[in-house]
């Protein structure tokens, strides 16, 4: 069984720390990226956010780029050393589960997020097909079943290429080895509706809402979801191009205060069973 450390934190808030595209920012040094990730991860940690997701944004037609593998692993390892109080996950832009898991393995990350885990989807980069089996097999090869897999189900940035319902696809994802599900609709109300539908099926997996969450609506989100992934709502509005600090400490504090204040009587946090 994968480690359930990720699912024991309450509230389960994951802040996405987006890395500037390595291919389009070759003029930036490794030391610049190091300052960038440490400064912003420190803001998340100071605000009490328990998890961050180190997010590669380097677009490729095929597998992950060499820059993604080398830089993301190095930066993740640095974060483990410099900001140890915050848990960490990995996501890569490429449709490449081996890259995400290899980076997580090297960096000592707690989880990975995989966008097309089951079925098929048309994306801006073309068609992508379910990589669940490959991911679970490679995780076993690495002997890192402690790395949890969060699987998106019908992610809103893609269009499903088959007619199965989101609830049915969620069942597929659970049977294929996902440890947690990420549900994101076209809008915040749509996300809540979709999560409720999956929840009603009684699937024994934690469910996170993957977008459109703010300090104003996170309490409502946590009445149906076990956790939330957030980024844009926490960003500085005045940050200029090339600035190191992109996220706002005060906004992060407000978000976490609202998340912690969510009524625990509405929904019990997910508790894994063996």
Protein backbone atom coordinates (compact mmCIF):
# COMPACT_ATOMS: atom_id res chain seq x y z
CA UNK A 1 0.00 0.00 0.00
CA UNK A 2 1.31 3.48 -0.84
CA UNK A 3 2.02 5.81 2.04
CA UNK A 4 -1.09 7.65 3.20
CA UNK A 5 0.88 10.54 4.72
CA UNK A 6 -0.60 12.91 2.15
CA UNK A 7 -4.13 12.00 3.20
CA UNK A 8 -3.62 12.38 6.93
CA UNK A 9 -3.13 16.16 6.85
CA UNK A 10 -6.19 18.30 7.55
CA UNK A 11 -6.98 20.37 5.60
CA UNK A 12 -5.38 18.76 2.55
CA UNK A 13 -4.20 21.89 0.73
CA UNK A 14 -1.66 21.64 -2.10
CA UNK A 15 -0.14 24.83 -3.52
CA UNK A 16 1.10 24.53 -7.11
CA UNK A 17 4.58 26.03 -7.57
CA UNK A 18 4.90 26.48 -11.34
CA UNK A 19 8.40 26.39 -12.78
CA UNK A 20 9.02 28.75 -15.71
CA UNK A 21 9.32 26.72 -18.94
CA UNK A 22 12.93 25.49 -19.07
CA UNK A 23 13.10 25.54 -22.88
CA UNK A 24 11.90 29.14 -23.10
CA UNK A 25 14.07 30.35 -20.24
CA UNK A 26 17.50 29.01 -21.12
CA UNK A 27 18.92 32.42 -20.20
CA UNK A 28 18.02 31.73 -16.55
CA UNK A 29 20.69 30.00 -14.48
CA UNK A 30 20.20 27.09 -12.13
CA UNK A 31 20.91 29.47 -9.24
CA UNK A 32 18.01 31.70 -10.40
CA UNK A 33 15.65 28.70 -10.33
CA UNK A 34 17.02 27.70 -6.92
CA UNK A 35 16.29 31.15 -5.49
CA UNK A 36 12.84 31.06 -7.13
CA UNK A 37 11.70 27.73 -5.69
CA UNK A 38 13.13 28.28 -2.20
CA UNK A 39 11.67 31.80 -1.89
CA UNK A 40 8.17 30.76 -2.96
CA UNK A 41 8.14 27.45 -1.11
CA UNK A 42 9.16 29.35 2.03
CA UNK A 43 6.11 31.59 1.61
CA UNK A 44 3.84 28.54 1.40
CA UNK A 45 5.47 27.01 4.47
CA UNK A 46 5.25 30.23 6.51
CA UNK A 47 1.53 30.42 5.74
CA UNK A 48 1.05 26.89 7.03
CA UNK A 49 0.30 25.27 3.68
CA UNK A 50 1.19 21.60 4.24
CA UNK A 51 1.96 20.58 0.65
CA UNK A 52 3.34 22.00 -2.56
CA UNK A 53 3.34 20.57 -6.06
CA UNK A 54 6.50 21.35 -8.05
CA UNK A 55 5.10 21.79 -11.54
CA UNK A 56 7.17 21.54 -14.71
CA UNK A 57 5.62 23.56 -17.56
CA UNK A 58 8.05 22.66 -20.35
CA UNK A 59 6.00 21.67 -23.40
CA UNK A 60 7.26 18.78 -25.49
CA UNK A 61 5.77 16.69 -28.27
CA UNK A 62 6.96 13.44 -26.68
CA UNK A 63 8.48 12.47 -23.36
CA UNK A 64 9.80 14.87 -20.79
CA UNK A 65 12.76 16.98 -21.85
CA UNK A 66 16.27 16.43 -20.44
CA UNK A 67 15.95 19.84 -18.75
CA UNK A 68 12.77 18.72 -16.99
CA UNK A 69 14.39 15.57 -15.66
CA UNK A 70 17.61 17.21 -14.48
CA UNK A 71 16.33 20.57 -13.27
CA UNK A 72 13.13 19.42 -11.57
CA UNK A 73 14.91 16.61 -9.71
CA UNK A 74 17.67 18.97 -8.59
CA UNK A 75 15.23 21.67 -7.50
CA UNK A 76 13.03 19.17 -5.70
CA UNK A 77 16.01 17.81 -3.79
CA UNK A 78 16.98 21.36 -2.85
CA UNK A 79 13.49 22.02 -1.50
CA UNK A 80 13.63 18.89 0.62
CA UNK A 81 16.78 20.26 2.24
CA UNK A 82 15.95 23.97 2.48
CA UNK A 83 12.19 23.83 3.24
CA UNK A 84 11.76 20.43 4.94
CA UNK A 85 8.58 21.40 6.79
CA UNK A 86 6.44 21.27 3.65
CA UNK A 87 5.53 18.07 1.81
CA UNK A 88 6.16 17.87 -1.93
CA UNK A 89 4.70 16.41 -5.09
CA UNK A 90 5.76 16.39 -8.74
CA UNK A 91 3.93 16.97 -12.02
CA UNK A 92 5.45 17.24 -15.51
CA UNK A 93 3.79 18.79 -18.53
CA UNK A 94 4.79 15.91 -20.80
CA UNK A 95 2.59 12.82 -20.93
CA UNK A 96 5.34 10.84 -19.24
CA UNK A 97 4.61 8.93 -16.03
CA UNK A 98 8.13 7.51 -15.85
CA UNK A 99 9.59 11.02 -15.76
CA UNK A 100 7.28 12.19 -12.99
CA UNK A 101 7.96 9.11 -10.87
CA UNK A 102 11.72 9.14 -11.55
CA UNK A 103 11.92 12.78 -10.47
CA UNK A 104 9.84 12.06 -7.37
CA UNK A 105 12.12 9.12 -6.58
CA UNK A 106 15.29 11.21 -6.96
CA UNK A 107 13.93 14.23 -5.10
CA UNK A 108 12.27 12.34 -2.27
CA UNK A 109 8.78 13.57 -3.16
CA UNK A 110 5.62 12.25 -1.52
CA UNK A 111 3.31 12.11 -4.54
CA UNK A 112 2.91 12.65 -8.27
CA UNK A 113 -0.03 14.07 -10.21
CA UNK A 114 -0.87 12.36 -13.50
CA UNK A 115 -3.33 14.05 -15.86
CA UNK A 116 -4.61 11.25 -18.16
CA UNK A 117 -4.58 8.14 -15.99
CA UNK A 118 -7.35 6.15 -17.68
CA UNK A 119 -9.22 6.38 -20.98
CA UNK A 120 -8.18 8.83 -23.65
CA UNK A 121 -8.26 12.60 -24.01
CA UNK A 122 -7.64 15.17 -26.72
CA UNK A 123 -5.30 17.86 -25.44
CA UNK A 124 -3.69 20.96 -26.94
CA UNK A 125 -0.68 18.75 -27.71
CA UNK A 126 -2.82 16.06 -29.39
CA UNK A 127 -4.32 12.78 -28.19
CA UNK A 128 -3.15 11.22 -24.95
CA UNK A 129 -4.06 7.81 -23.61
CA UNK A 130 -4.31 6.37 -20.11
CA UNK A 131 -0.96 5.76 -18.47
CA UNK A 132 -2.17 4.20 -15.23
CA UNK A 133 -0.81 0.70 -15.81
CA UNK A 134 2.60 2.01 -16.88
CA UNK A 135 2.79 4.31 -13.86
CA UNK A 136 1.87 1.67 -11.31
CA UNK A 137 4.31 -0.84 -12.84
CA UNK A 138 7.20 1.64 -12.84
CA UNK A 139 6.51 2.69 -9.27
CA UNK A 140 6.83 -0.98 -8.29
CA UNK A 141 10.09 -1.27 -10.26
CA UNK A 142 11.45 1.70 -8.29
CA UNK A 143 10.25 0.03 -5.08
CA UNK A 144 8.65 3.36 -4.17
CA UNK A 145 5.08 2.43 -3.38
CA UNK A 146 5.28 5.15 -0.73
CA UNK A 147 4.92 7.71 -3.56
CA UNK A 148 1.18 8.34 -3.83
CA UNK A 149 -0.44 8.76 -7.25
CA UNK A 150 -3.06 11.50 -7.67
CA UNK A 151 -5.01 10.93 -10.87
CA UNK A 152 -7.07 13.53 -12.70
CA UNK A 153 -10.40 12.23 -13.97
CA UNK A 154 -11.61 14.10 -17.09
CA UNK A 155 -9.34 17.08 -16.49
CA UNK A 156 -10.90 20.30 -17.74
CA UNK A 157 -7.90 21.15 -19.92
CA UNK A 158 -8.69 18.17 -22.18
CA UNK A 159 -11.70 16.63 -23.93
CA UNK A 160 -12.50 12.93 -23.34
CA UNK A 161 -12.28 10.87 -26.53
CA UNK A 162 -14.78 8.26 -25.33
CA UNK A 163 -18.26 8.42 -23.87
CA UNK A 164 -17.80 6.97 -20.38
CA UNK A 165 -19.18 9.11 -17.57
CA UNK A 166 -16.87 10.83 -15.12
CA UNK A 167 -18.11 8.54 -12.36
CA UNK A 168 -17.28 5.47 -14.47
CA UNK A 169 -13.85 6.87 -15.32
CA UNK A 170 -13.26 7.50 -11.60
CA UNK A 171 -14.00 3.83 -10.93
CA UNK A 172 -11.51 2.90 -13.66
CA UNK A 173 -8.87 5.11 -12.02
CA UNK A 174 -9.39 3.48 -8.62
CA UNK A 175 -9.19 -0.01 -10.09
CA UNK A 176 -6.06 0.98 -12.05
CA UNK A 177 -4.15 1.99 -8.93
CA UNK A 178 -4.82 5.67 -8.24
CA UNK A 179 -4.42 6.54 -4.56
CA UNK A 180 -6.39 9.77 -4.84
CA UNK A 181 -8.61 11.45 -7.43
CA UNK A 182 -8.60 15.04 -8.72
CA UNK A 183 -11.89 16.36 -10.09
CA UNK A 184 -12.11 19.75 -11.82
CA UNK A 185 -15.17 21.03 -13.66
CA UNK A 186 -15.64 23.97 -16.01
CA UNK A 187 -16.51 26.20 -13.04
CA UNK A 188 -16.47 26.02 -9.28
CA UNK A 189 -20.16 24.96 -9.01
CA UNK A 190 -19.60 22.39 -11.75
CA UNK A 191 -16.61 20.98 -9.83
CA UNK A 192 -18.74 20.58 -6.69
CA UNK A 193 -21.47 18.85 -8.70
CA UNK A 194 -18.98 16.45 -10.29
CA UNK A 195 -17.28 15.64 -6.98
CA UNK A 196 -20.65 14.96 -5.33
CA UNK A 197 -21.55 12.54 -8.13
CA UNK A 198 -18.27 10.63 -7.74
CA UNK A 199 -18.62 10.71 -3.96
CA UNK A 200 -22.09 9.21 -4.16
CA UNK A 201 -20.65 6.15 -5.90
CA UNK A 202 -18.89 5.33 -2.64
CA UNK A 203 -15.34 5.07 -4.00
CA UNK A 204 -12.79 4.49 -1.25
CA UNK A 205 -10.35 7.18 -2.37
CA UNK A 206 -9.79 10.77 -1.25
CA UNK A 207 -11.02 13.38 -3.74
CA UNK A 208 -9.41 16.77 -4.30
CA UNK A 209 -10.84 19.73 -6.19
CA UNK A 210 -8.32 20.78 -8.81
CA UNK A 211 -9.06 24.42 -9.59
CA UNK A 212 -11.05 27.66 -9.08
CA UNK A 213 -10.62 27.49 -5.30
CA UNK A 214 -10.18 30.76 -3.38
CA UNK A 215 -10.22 31.91 0.22
CA UNK A 216 -13.87 32.82 -0.32
CA UNK A 217 -15.04 29.39 -1.44
CA UNK A 218 -12.57 26.90 0.05
CA UNK A 219 -14.83 26.22 3.04
CA UNK A 220 -17.63 25.24 0.68
CA UNK A 221 -15.22 23.14 -1.39
CA UNK A 222 -14.17 21.19 1.68
CA UNK A 223 -17.76 20.21 2.44
CA UNK A 224 -17.61 17.82 -0.54
CA UNK A 225 -13.88 17.38 -1.26
CA UNK A 226 -11.12 16.04 0.97
CA UNK A 227 -8.69 18.70 -0.20
CA UNK A 228 -7.90 21.41 -2.71
CA UNK A 229 -5.17 22.34 -5.17
CA UNK A 230 -4.61 26.09 -5.44
CA UNK A 231 -2.18 28.48 -7.10
CA UNK A 232 -3.59 31.49 -9.00
CA UNK A 233 -5.66 32.69 -6.05
CA UNK A 234 -2.47 32.96 -3.98
CA UNK A 235 -0.33 34.84 -6.50
CA UNK A 236 0.87 38.43 -6.29
CA UNK A 237 -1.07 40.71 -8.59
CA UNK A 238 1.87 43.10 -8.96
CA UNK A 239 4.63 40.59 -9.73
CA UNK A 240 6.62 41.58 -12.79
CA UNK A 241 8.26 39.42 -15.42
CA UNK A 242 11.36 37.75 -14.05
CA UNK A 243 10.64 38.52 -10.40
CA UNK A 244 11.64 35.81 -7.97
CA UNK A 245 8.70 36.05 -5.56
CA UNK A 246 5.43 35.22 -7.32
CA UNK A 247 3.17 34.19 -4.44
CA UNK A 248 1.72 36.45 -1.74
CA UNK A 249 2.23 35.56 1.92
CA UNK A 250 -0.88 37.42 3.09
CA UNK A 251 -3.10 35.72 0.50
CA UNK A 252 -1.66 32.35 1.50
CA UNK A 253 -2.37 33.09 5.17
CA UNK A 254 -5.96 34.09 4.40
CA UNK A 255 -6.52 30.98 2.35
CA UNK A 256 -5.26 28.67 5.08
CA UNK A 257 -7.29 30.47 7.74
CA UNK A 258 -10.41 29.92 5.66
CA UNK A 259 -9.50 26.29 4.97
CA UNK A 260 -8.86 25.56 8.64
CA UNK A 261 -12.10 27.27 9.56
CA UNK A 262 -14.14 24.99 7.31
CA UNK A 263 -16.73 23.17 9.39
CA UNK A 264 -15.52 19.69 10.28
CA UNK A 265 -19.11 18.68 10.95
CA UNK A 266 -20.00 18.91 7.27
CA UNK A 267 -17.53 16.26 6.05
CA UNK A 268 -15.18 13.96 7.85
CA UNK A 269 -11.60 13.98 6.43
CA UNK A 270 -10.69 10.88 4.46
CA UNK A 271 -9.10 8.17 6.53
CA UNK A 272 -7.42 5.36 4.65
CA UNK A 273 -8.05 1.75 5.61
CA UNK A 274 -5.62 -1.09 5.01
